[in-house]
Amino acid sequence: MSVDNSHTPSFRYQNVLDRGKPIHNGTDSFSVRHPAMDLSRRAKIFSPFDALKGFGDELERAKAEITDTFSNDTVPPEEPP
């Protein structure tokens, strides 16, 4: 499988790009050494994670504070312009 790169300028790894995506049939040496990952394990890799620890808790605290502030009956509602 070859990729038409006639419009792409040549660069250091042009030969790798020209080869295109490899196709494995399941019995070649690569597929034997690197079997496909089952979907349940793959899903765990891409599952969401808490990149900003505590950020969700802080958002919930701020939401509760704002809700308490604006649900207070002593604060008059804003008049529309």
Protein backbone atom coordinates (compact mmCIF):
# COMPACT_ATOMS: atom_id res chain seq x y z
CA MET A 1 0.00 0.00 0.00
CA SER A 2 1.56 3.26 -1.07
CA VAL A 3 0.52 6.81 -0.28
CA ASP A 4 0.58 9.50 -2.97
CA ASN A 5 2.81 12.19 -1.49
CA SER A 6 3.67 14.01 -4.70
CA HIS A 7 2.45 17.27 -3.17
CA THR A 8 4.30 16.74 0.13
CA PRO A 9 7.84 18.07 0.39
CA SER A 10 10.51 15.48 1.13
CA PHE A 11 11.61 15.14 4.74
CA ARG A 12 13.73 12.83 6.87
CA TYR A 13 11.14 10.02 7.24
CA GLN A 14 9.62 10.24 3.77
CA ASN A 15 10.31 6.52 3.14
CA VAL A 16 8.35 5.56 6.28
CA LEU A 17 5.42 7.73 5.19
CA ASP A 18 5.52 6.28 1.68
CA ARG A 19 5.15 2.74 3.02
CA GLY A 20 1.68 3.53 4.37
CA LYS A 21 -0.15 1.75 7.16
CA PRO A 22 0.98 -1.85 7.70
CA ILE A 23 -1.57 -4.60 7.22
CA HIS A 24 -1.30 -7.60 9.53
CA ASN A 25 -3.09 -10.88 8.88
CA GLY A 26 -2.90 -12.45 12.34
CA THR A 27 -0.29 -15.05 11.45
CA ASP A 28 2.65 -12.79 10.61
CA SER A 29 5.49 -12.38 13.10
CA PHE A 30 4.30 -8.99 14.35
CA SER A 31 0.78 -10.21 15.14
CA VAL A 32 2.12 -13.28 16.90
CA ARG A 33 4.42 -11.19 19.13
CA HIS A 34 1.86 -8.40 19.65
CA PRO A 35 -1.64 -9.90 19.79
CA ALA A 36 -4.63 -7.55 19.66
CA MET A 37 -5.79 -6.26 23.03
CA ASP A 38 -9.24 -7.37 24.14
CA LEU A 39 -11.85 -4.61 24.29
CA SER A 40 -12.32 -4.66 28.08
CA ARG A 41 -8.60 -3.98 28.68
CA ARG A 42 -8.57 -1.36 25.94
CA ALA A 43 -11.56 0.39 27.52
CA LYS A 44 -9.72 0.60 30.85
CA ILE A 45 -6.80 2.39 29.20
CA PHE A 46 -9.04 5.08 27.75
CA SER A 47 -11.39 5.41 30.72
CA PRO A 48 -11.75 8.87 32.24
CA PHE A 49 -9.48 9.86 35.10
CA ASP A 50 -9.22 12.76 37.51
CA ALA A 51 -6.40 14.77 35.96
CA LEU A 52 -6.98 17.68 38.33
CA LYS A 53 -7.39 16.03 41.72
CA GLY A 54 -9.88 17.90 43.88
CA PHE A 55 -11.10 20.13 41.05
CA GLY A 56 -14.49 18.36 40.89
CA ASP A 57 -14.91 18.73 44.65
CA GLU A 58 -14.09 22.44 44.43
CA LEU A 59 -16.66 22.89 41.66
CA GLU A 60 -19.31 21.17 43.77
CA ARG A 61 -18.44 23.40 46.75
CA ALA A 62 -18.67 26.54 44.60
CA LYS A 63 -21.96 25.35 43.10
CA ALA A 64 -23.42 24.76 46.57
CA GLU A 65 -22.22 28.19 47.74
CA ILE A 66 -23.77 29.93 44.74
CA THR A 67 -27.00 27.98 45.10
CA ASP A 68 -27.21 28.96 48.79
CA THR A 69 -26.50 32.60 47.95
CA PHE A 70 -29.15 32.88 45.27
CA SER A 71 -31.77 30.76 46.97
CA ASN A 72 -31.75 33.07 49.99
CA ASP A 73 -35.08 34.98 50.17
CA THR A 74 -33.41 38.13 51.53
CA VAL A 75 -31.65 38.80 48.26
CA PRO A 76 -34.04 40.64 45.91
CA PRO A 77 -34.26 39.25 42.40
CA GLU A 78 -32.69 41.34 39.67
CA GLU A 79 -35.05 43.38 37.55
CA PRO A 80 -34.83 42.77 33.83
CA PRO A 81 -33.57 45.77 31.82
